[in-house]
Amino acid sequence: MDKKVYYGEYTLKYWIELLLKKDLELPDYQRSFVWSEEQVKGFVKGIQEDGFVPPVTIGVCNIGGENHNLILDGQQRLSSLLLAYFKAFPKKDVFPRGGEDLSLADGAAEEEDGEPDVEYINWSLRMFADKGPVEQNVRDYITATQYNHVDYGVTPDFFETKFIPFSFIIPNAADEAEQHEFYSTVFRNINILGTPLEPIESRKSLYFLKSELKDFFDPECCRGYKIELVGKNQMFDFVRAMALLSQFRKEGRSNRLAQSYKPRMEKYYEEYIYSVVKDSPDSMFAQFSTYIPNKDFAPRIVKLQRSLQGLHYDQLHFTSIIDADVYMLGLIYQTVIRGKDIDLTRGAELKSALQRKINVYKADQSHKGSPSLFKHMRSRVEYSITTFNRYAL
């Protein structure tokens, strides 16, 4: 895409004014705050010592017919700037990571990888910006019960005499969808000061490609389902399910699902999202409009919700991706992809059959210990679809 890029720098105080006036905005898909108090102090010290600070990247994007200045890169830096200005740091126990911020389940986390988790808190600079533009309103909002008072060691003239650079992008395209695709790509290609994006963060930037599909990729009726692993929970991944099931729909078999995408499954899910957005007939997945007539997905999601409620899935406890796949994949295939209802009068019989198969899978030490292996995943897909087919109306 043809674009103009402008470069410059603002004083720290001017950045704060822009944020509190909401002249700069975080896209909905932007991550929560991930820096620690020590990282904020290190960032402030670096500015004091005139160290190099990467520029904040701002993009002008047309949303609903109006131009918005989106923060594409630099949220952690600008958040730290606000915290330093107001001498505060959010308490982790007051802003715990919410259910929607849980990592996505694919079975791999059940196998030890030794990788430490990034610590997130459910806080962002929007919380201060929403109280602006008057600074005193923000100060009144900051209470000792929610924030620690922190001395970042700055002098009164610090915010007037120090600068953070920027790059300002203006695309030469009036088409809103084209701009969204461009900025989604820009955001996902950025590694924010060495803290990599989690899959769910990368996904949310893809939903930005076509905002009307957000409720398809992230249906409310599936948000409450979690895989209850020891020490932490994971969120049921609807996009993962749809990617696998859409490929199954096209090929009619499970033995090639996600072939060649191990260990880069996130790329596989991204390809599925692109195929839906573009309604592509030539991808590895079934064309979206061939199984969702007129792309009207809402009635299918209603069918899924009705079945989840009628089968009393709220009473289930998924303790492994094995449980989640067996119970969910066939149900989603029948209701969302095939548009079928489930015979709820035989619900107890259906759930009993599913649980027996789960017990068999878990009795297999290979399957239980490495549920993310493709051969095990494909077996669960095949079994769940076949079983729910017997109960589809």
Protein backbone atom coordinates (compact mmCIF):
# COMPACT_ATOMS: atom_id res chain seq x y z
CA MET A 1 0.00 0.00 0.00
CA ASP A 2 1.25 3.48 -0.88
CA LYS A 3 1.67 5.59 2.24
CA LYS A 4 3.31 8.68 3.69
CA VAL A 5 5.41 8.42 6.84
CA TYR A 6 6.35 11.42 8.96
CA TYR A 7 8.97 11.45 11.69
CA GLY A 8 9.51 13.71 14.66
CA GLU A 9 9.46 13.84 18.45
CA TYR A 10 7.21 15.18 21.17
CA THR A 11 7.98 16.19 24.73
CA LEU A 12 6.85 13.71 27.34
CA LYS A 13 4.28 16.24 28.55
CA TYR A 14 2.78 16.56 25.08
CA TRP A 15 2.48 12.76 24.77
CA ILE A 16 0.55 12.77 28.06
CA GLU A 17 -1.77 15.52 26.80
CA LEU A 18 -2.48 13.59 23.60
CA LEU A 19 -3.32 10.45 25.58
CA LEU A 20 -5.59 12.19 28.06
CA LYS A 21 -7.42 14.02 25.26
CA LYS A 22 -7.77 10.67 23.45
CA ASP A 23 -6.12 12.11 20.37
CA LEU A 24 -4.24 8.81 20.43
CA GLU A 25 -6.13 5.54 20.80
CA LEU A 26 -5.34 1.92 21.49
CA PRO A 27 -6.93 -0.43 18.95
CA ASP A 28 -9.32 -2.89 20.58
CA TYR A 29 -6.95 -5.75 19.85
CA GLN A 30 -4.01 -4.22 21.71
CA ARG A 31 -2.62 -6.21 24.61
CA SER A 32 -2.86 -5.31 28.27
CA PHE A 33 0.09 -3.91 30.18
CA VAL A 34 2.97 -6.38 30.59
CA TRP A 35 5.87 -4.37 31.98
CA SER A 36 6.89 -4.73 35.60
CA GLU A 37 7.51 -1.82 37.95
CA GLU A 38 11.25 -2.36 37.51
CA GLN A 39 10.92 -2.18 33.73
CA VAL A 40 9.05 1.12 34.03
CA LYS A 41 11.80 2.48 36.26
CA GLY A 42 14.42 1.28 33.78
CA PHE A 43 12.55 2.95 30.93
CA VAL A 44 12.36 6.27 32.83
CA LYS A 45 16.03 6.06 33.73
CA GLY A 46 16.92 5.46 30.10
CA ILE A 47 15.12 8.65 29.08
CA GLN A 48 16.81 10.58 31.89
CA GLU A 49 20.19 9.44 30.62
CA ASP A 50 19.31 10.32 27.01
CA GLY A 51 19.44 6.71 25.96
CA PHE A 52 17.90 5.45 22.74
CA VAL A 53 14.11 5.14 22.84
CA PRO A 54 12.43 3.40 19.88
CA PRO A 55 9.86 5.65 18.20
CA VAL A 56 6.18 5.23 18.92
CA THR A 57 4.37 4.24 15.73
CA ILE A 58 1.03 5.95 15.07
CA GLY A 59 -1.26 5.13 12.16
CA VAL A 60 -4.19 7.13 10.80
CA CYS A 61 -7.04 4.72 10.17
CA ASN A 62 -10.56 5.27 8.92
CA ILE A 63 -13.10 3.62 11.25
CA GLY A 64 -16.78 4.17 10.62
CA GLY A 65 -16.08 7.13 8.35
CA GLU A 66 -13.87 8.96 10.87
CA ASN A 67 -10.09 9.12 11.11
CA HIS A 68 -8.52 7.76 14.29
CA ASN A 69 -4.88 7.91 15.38
CA LEU A 70 -4.06 4.36 16.44
CA ILE A 71 -1.10 3.35 18.61
CA LEU A 72 0.42 0.53 16.57
CA ASP A 73 3.65 0.21 18.53
CA GLY A 74 4.63 1.81 21.82
CA GLN A 75 1.79 1.03 24.18
CA GLN A 76 4.15 -0.21 26.91
CA ARG A 77 6.28 2.93 26.62
CA LEU A 78 3.32 5.32 26.70
CA SER A 79 1.69 3.42 29.55
CA SER A 80 4.94 3.66 31.51
CA LEU A 81 5.07 7.37 30.79
CA LEU A 82 1.59 7.88 32.26
CA LEU A 83 2.42 5.81 35.33
CA ALA A 84 5.61 7.78 35.91
CA TYR A 85 3.80 11.09 35.51
CA PHE A 86 1.14 10.16 38.05
CA LYS A 87 3.66 8.34 40.33
CA ALA A 88 1.62 5.15 40.37
CA PHE A 89 1.76 1.46 39.52
CA PRO A 90 -1.30 -0.82 39.40
CA LYS A 91 -1.52 -3.56 42.02
CA LYS A 92 -1.54 -6.99 40.39
CA ASP A 93 -4.09 -8.46 42.79
CA VAL A 94 -6.50 -5.60 42.00
CA PHE A 95 -6.12 -5.95 38.21
CA PRO A 96 -5.86 -9.73 37.79
CA ARG A 97 -5.69 -11.24 34.38
CA GLY A 98 -9.28 -11.79 33.27
CA GLY A 99 -10.78 -14.95 31.78
CA GLU A 100 -10.69 -13.51 28.27
CA ASP A 101 -6.93 -13.03 28.62
CA LEU A 102 -6.23 -16.69 29.30
CA SER A 103 -3.94 -18.44 26.87
CA LEU A 104 -5.57 -20.51 24.16
CA ALA A 105 -5.69 -24.27 24.57
CA ASP A 106 -4.28 -26.56 21.90
CA GLY A 107 -2.94 -29.42 24.01
CA ALA A 108 0.69 -28.37 23.81
CA ALA A 109 0.61 -26.74 27.25
CA GLU A 110 -0.19 -30.13 28.79
CA GLU A 111 3.29 -31.19 27.75
CA GLU A 112 6.13 -29.59 29.69
CA ASP A 113 8.03 -27.03 27.64
CA GLY A 114 9.92 -25.29 30.44
CA GLU A 115 9.07 -21.84 29.09
CA PRO A 116 8.18 -19.21 31.72
CA ASP A 117 4.89 -17.37 31.33
CA VAL A 118 4.79 -13.65 30.64
CA GLU A 119 3.10 -11.89 33.55
CA TYR A 120 0.09 -9.87 32.46
CA ILE A 121 -2.22 -7.62 34.42
CA ASN A 122 -5.63 -6.47 33.31
CA TRP A 123 -4.70 -2.79 33.08
CA SER A 124 -4.13 -0.42 30.18
CA LEU A 125 -3.59 3.29 29.63
CA ARG A 126 -7.27 3.57 28.64
CA MET A 127 -8.11 3.59 32.35
CA PHE A 128 -6.30 6.90 32.79
CA ALA A 129 -7.35 8.28 29.40
CA ASP A 130 -11.01 7.64 30.23
CA LYS A 131 -10.67 10.03 33.18
CA GLY A 132 -9.06 12.80 31.11
CA PRO A 133 -8.46 15.30 29.76
CA VAL A 134 -8.33 16.99 33.18
CA GLU A 135 -5.29 15.73 35.09
CA GLN A 136 -6.92 16.18 38.48
CA ASN A 137 -9.65 13.75 37.50
CA VAL A 138 -6.99 11.11 36.91
CA ARG A 139 -5.31 11.89 40.23
CA ASP A 140 -8.66 11.57 42.02
CA TYR A 141 -9.19 8.20 40.32
CA ILE A 142 -5.85 6.81 41.54
CA THR A 143 -6.42 5.38 45.02
CA ALA A 144 -4.14 3.56 47.43
CA THR A 145 -6.35 0.49 47.28
CA GLN A 146 -5.71 0.04 43.55
CA TYR A 147 -2.29 1.62 42.96
CA ASN A 148 1.04 1.71 44.70
CA HIS A 149 2.63 5.15 45.04
CA VAL A 150 6.00 4.96 43.30
CA ASP A 151 8.84 7.47 43.23
CA TYR A 152 10.33 7.15 39.76
CA GLY A 153 13.08 9.61 40.60
CA VAL A 154 12.18 12.34 38.13
CA THR A 155 12.55 16.08 38.58
CA PRO A 156 9.69 18.52 37.84
CA ASP A 157 11.19 19.56 34.49
CA PHE A 158 11.67 15.97 33.30
CA PHE A 159 8.41 15.86 31.32
CA GLU A 160 9.00 19.27 29.72
CA THR A 161 12.60 18.73 28.58
CA LYS A 162 12.72 15.08 27.51
CA PHE A 163 11.37 13.64 24.26
CA ILE A 164 10.06 10.41 22.71
CA PRO A 165 10.26 10.12 18.92
CA PHE A 166 7.41 9.03 16.66
CA SER A 167 6.71 7.73 13.19
CA PHE A 168 3.34 8.77 11.81
CA ILE A 169 1.79 6.72 9.00
CA ILE A 170 -0.86 8.06 6.65
CA PRO A 171 -1.99 5.47 4.05
CA ASN A 172 -2.94 6.72 0.60
CA ALA A 173 -6.10 4.64 0.45
CA ALA A 174 -9.68 5.60 1.16
CA ASP A 175 -10.90 2.02 1.38
CA GLU A 176 -11.48 1.18 5.06
CA ALA A 177 -11.01 -2.58 4.63
CA GLU A 178 -7.69 -2.04 2.83
CA GLN A 179 -6.48 0.22 5.64
CA HIS A 180 -7.51 -2.31 8.28
CA GLU A 181 -5.64 -5.10 6.52
CA PHE A 182 -2.55 -2.93 6.24
CA TYR A 183 -2.55 -1.94 9.92
CA SER A 184 -3.33 -5.45 11.08
CA THR A 185 -0.24 -6.65 9.23
CA VAL A 186 1.89 -3.81 10.62
CA PHE A 187 0.86 -4.54 14.19
CA ARG A 188 1.46 -8.28 13.96
CA ASN A 189 4.92 -7.78 12.48
CA ILE A 190 6.01 -5.63 15.39
CA ASN A 191 7.84 -7.18 18.34
CA ILE A 192 7.14 -4.76 21.19
CA LEU A 193 10.51 -4.24 22.94
CA GLY A 194 11.29 -7.93 23.00
CA THR A 195 7.99 -9.10 24.55
CA PRO A 196 6.40 -11.38 21.93
CA LEU A 197 2.69 -11.34 21.24
CA GLU A 198 0.64 -14.19 22.60
CA PRO A 199 -1.57 -16.02 20.08
CA ILE A 200 -4.76 -14.42 21.34
CA GLU A 201 -3.23 -10.94 20.89
CA SER A 202 -2.16 -11.75 17.36
CA ARG A 203 -5.63 -13.12 16.63
CA LYS A 204 -7.39 -9.99 17.83
CA SER A 205 -5.38 -7.92 15.38
CA LEU A 206 -6.60 -10.20 12.60
CA TYR A 207 -10.22 -9.72 13.63
CA PHE A 208 -9.57 -6.04 12.90
CA LEU A 209 -9.50 -7.01 9.21
CA LYS A 210 -13.29 -7.26 9.20
CA SER A 211 -14.89 -6.08 12.41
CA GLU A 212 -18.30 -7.58 11.60
CA LEU A 213 -16.77 -11.06 11.84
CA LYS A 214 -15.43 -10.61 15.37
CA ASP A 215 -18.46 -12.31 16.92
CA PHE A 216 -17.95 -15.24 14.59
CA PHE A 217 -14.30 -15.74 15.48
CA ASP A 218 -14.99 -15.14 19.18
CA PRO A 219 -18.60 -16.15 19.94
CA GLU A 220 -19.80 -15.22 23.40
CA CYS A 221 -21.36 -18.63 24.00
CA CYS A 222 -17.93 -20.30 23.93
CA ARG A 223 -16.00 -17.84 26.08
CA GLY A 224 -16.85 -19.52 29.36
CA TYR A 225 -15.37 -22.90 28.47
CA LYS A 226 -11.94 -23.53 29.89
CA ILE A 227 -9.48 -26.38 30.11
CA GLU A 228 -8.70 -26.69 33.80
CA LEU A 229 -5.03 -27.61 33.87
CA VAL A 230 -3.06 -28.00 37.06
CA GLY A 231 -1.83 -24.58 38.14
CA LYS A 232 -3.55 -22.61 35.37
CA ASN A 233 -6.56 -22.61 33.10
CA GLN A 234 -6.68 -22.21 29.35
CA MET A 235 -9.44 -20.91 27.15
CA PHE A 236 -11.25 -23.09 24.63
CA ASP A 237 -10.06 -21.97 21.20
CA PHE A 238 -13.01 -21.58 18.84
CA VAL A 239 -10.82 -20.49 15.92
CA ARG A 240 -8.68 -23.62 16.30
CA ALA A 241 -11.83 -25.73 16.23
CA MET A 242 -13.22 -23.97 13.16
CA ALA A 243 -9.93 -24.23 11.28
CA LEU A 244 -9.73 -27.99 11.81
CA LEU A 245 -13.41 -28.51 11.07
CA SER A 246 -13.40 -26.32 7.97
CA GLN A 247 -10.53 -28.31 6.50
CA PHE A 248 -12.35 -31.52 7.40
CA ARG A 249 -15.44 -30.16 5.64
CA LYS A 250 -13.46 -29.55 2.46
CA GLU A 251 -11.52 -32.82 2.42
CA GLY A 252 -14.00 -35.16 4.09
CA ARG A 253 -11.28 -36.83 6.14
CA SER A 254 -9.04 -36.14 9.09
CA ASN A 255 -5.71 -37.72 8.13
CA ARG A 256 -4.34 -34.54 6.51
CA LEU A 257 -5.57 -31.94 9.02
CA ALA A 258 -2.95 -29.21 9.57
CA GLN A 259 -0.40 -31.27 7.67
CA SER A 260 3.02 -29.57 7.52
CA TYR A 261 1.98 -26.93 10.08
CA LYS A 262 3.59 -28.52 13.12
CA PRO A 263 5.07 -26.70 15.06
CA ARG A 264 3.60 -23.50 13.55
CA MET A 265 -0.08 -24.04 14.24
CA GLU A 266 -0.72 -20.36 14.82
CA LYS A 267 0.11 -19.80 11.13
CA TYR A 268 -2.51 -22.44 10.29
CA TYR A 269 -5.16 -20.58 12.30
CA GLU A 270 -4.17 -17.29 10.67
CA GLU A 271 -4.61 -18.84 7.24
CA TYR A 272 -8.09 -19.93 8.25
CA ILE A 273 -9.01 -16.42 9.41
CA TYR A 274 -7.75 -14.96 6.12
CA SER A 275 -9.79 -17.53 4.17
CA VAL A 276 -12.95 -16.47 6.02
CA VAL A 277 -12.29 -12.74 5.62
CA LYS A 278 -11.57 -13.09 1.91
CA ASP A 279 -14.18 -15.85 1.41
CA SER A 280 -11.53 -17.65 -0.56
CA PRO A 281 -12.51 -20.70 -2.68
CA ASP A 282 -8.96 -21.89 -3.25
CA SER A 283 -7.49 -22.27 0.22
CA MET A 284 -7.07 -25.50 2.16
CA PHE A 285 -10.33 -24.68 3.99
CA ALA A 286 -13.93 -24.89 2.82
CA GLN A 287 -15.10 -21.58 1.40
CA PHE A 288 -16.92 -19.65 4.12
CA SER A 289 -20.00 -18.77 2.07
CA THR A 290 -20.51 -22.42 1.07
CA TYR A 291 -21.32 -23.48 4.62
CA ILE A 292 -22.54 -20.15 6.04
CA PRO A 293 -25.23 -19.01 3.56
CA ASN A 294 -24.89 -15.30 2.74
CA LYS A 295 -22.18 -15.20 5.43
CA ASP A 296 -24.98 -14.83 7.98
CA PHE A 297 -23.35 -16.70 10.84
CA ALA A 298 -25.64 -15.50 13.66
CA PRO A 299 -28.30 -18.26 13.26
CA ARG A 300 -25.57 -20.92 13.36
CA ILE A 301 -24.09 -19.49 16.55
CA VAL A 302 -27.60 -19.51 18.04
CA LYS A 303 -27.87 -23.22 17.21
CA LEU A 304 -24.57 -23.84 18.94
CA GLN A 305 -25.62 -21.83 21.99
CA ARG A 306 -28.94 -23.66 22.20
CA SER A 307 -27.20 -27.04 22.08
CA LEU A 308 -24.61 -26.05 24.70
CA GLN A 309 -27.44 -25.06 27.02
CA GLY A 310 -29.66 -28.04 26.21
CA LEU A 311 -26.83 -30.51 26.79
CA HIS A 312 -25.96 -28.76 30.09
CA TYR A 313 -22.35 -28.22 29.11
CA ASP A 314 -22.06 -25.68 31.90
CA GLN A 315 -21.89 -28.65 34.26
CA LEU A 316 -18.88 -30.19 32.51
CA HIS A 317 -15.26 -29.84 33.59
CA PHE A 318 -12.62 -30.11 30.88
CA THR A 319 -9.40 -31.25 32.53
CA SER A 320 -7.55 -31.73 29.24
CA ILE A 321 -7.74 -30.72 25.61
CA ILE A 322 -8.91 -34.32 25.15
CA ASP A 323 -12.20 -33.59 26.96
CA ALA A 324 -12.69 -30.28 25.15
CA ASP A 325 -12.09 -31.72 21.68
CA VAL A 326 -14.34 -34.74 22.12
CA TYR A 327 -17.21 -32.72 23.57
CA MET A 328 -16.91 -29.60 21.41
CA LEU A 329 -15.58 -30.40 17.93
CA GLY A 330 -18.44 -32.59 16.71
CA LEU A 331 -21.00 -30.26 18.25
CA ILE A 332 -19.52 -27.22 16.48
CA TYR A 333 -19.27 -29.15 13.22
CA GLN A 334 -22.94 -30.14 13.26
CA THR A 335 -24.39 -26.82 14.44
CA VAL A 336 -22.11 -24.21 12.87
CA ILE A 337 -20.80 -25.86 9.71
CA ARG A 338 -23.73 -28.14 8.86
CA GLY A 339 -26.46 -25.99 10.39
CA LYS A 340 -28.04 -28.95 12.20
CA ASP A 341 -29.75 -29.13 15.56
CA ILE A 342 -28.86 -31.79 18.08
CA ASP A 343 -31.43 -34.26 19.43
CA LEU A 344 -31.43 -33.00 23.00
CA THR A 345 -33.82 -35.77 24.10
CA ARG A 346 -30.88 -38.17 23.72
CA GLY A 347 -28.41 -35.84 25.41
CA ALA A 348 -27.60 -38.16 28.32
CA GLU A 349 -26.91 -41.03 25.92
CA LEU A 350 -24.67 -38.81 23.77
CA LYS A 351 -22.64 -37.47 26.69
CA SER A 352 -22.20 -40.97 28.09
CA ALA A 353 -20.74 -42.15 24.77
CA LEU A 354 -18.39 -39.17 24.63
CA GLN A 355 -17.17 -39.70 28.19
CA ARG A 356 -16.46 -43.39 27.55
CA LYS A 357 -14.25 -42.47 24.61
CA ILE A 358 -12.46 -39.81 26.67
CA ASN A 359 -11.69 -42.46 29.28
CA VAL A 360 -10.24 -44.68 26.56
CA TYR A 361 -8.04 -41.87 25.25
CA LYS A 362 -6.79 -41.03 28.74
CA ALA A 363 -5.99 -44.68 29.44
CA ASP A 364 -3.53 -44.49 26.54
CA GLN A 365 -0.37 -43.01 28.09
CA SER A 366 0.85 -41.67 24.74
CA HIS A 367 -2.43 -39.86 24.12
CA LYS A 368 -2.72 -38.58 27.67
CA GLY A 369 0.90 -37.44 27.85
CA SER A 370 1.10 -35.82 24.41
CA PRO A 371 -2.44 -34.84 23.38
CA SER A 372 -1.17 -32.27 20.88
CA LEU A 373 0.37 -34.89 18.60
CA PHE A 374 -1.36 -34.72 15.24
CA LYS A 375 -2.32 -38.40 15.22
CA HIS A 376 -4.16 -37.95 18.53
CA MET A 377 -5.77 -34.64 17.53
CA ARG A 378 -7.00 -36.14 14.25
CA SER A 379 -8.44 -39.14 16.06
CA ARG A 380 -10.44 -36.85 18.36
CA VAL A 381 -11.73 -34.83 15.41
CA GLU A 382 -12.85 -37.96 13.56
CA TYR A 383 -14.51 -39.55 16.58
CA SER A 384 -16.33 -36.42 17.73
CA ILE A 385 -17.74 -35.61 14.28
CA THR A 386 -18.81 -39.20 13.66
CA THR A 387 -20.50 -39.50 17.04
CA PHE A 388 -22.40 -36.22 16.86
CA ASN A 389 -23.54 -37.11 13.35
CA ARG A 390 -25.69 -39.87 14.90
CA TYR A 391 -27.45 -37.31 17.08
CA ALA A 392 -27.92 -34.54 14.49
CA LEU A 393 -31.48 -33.82 13.43
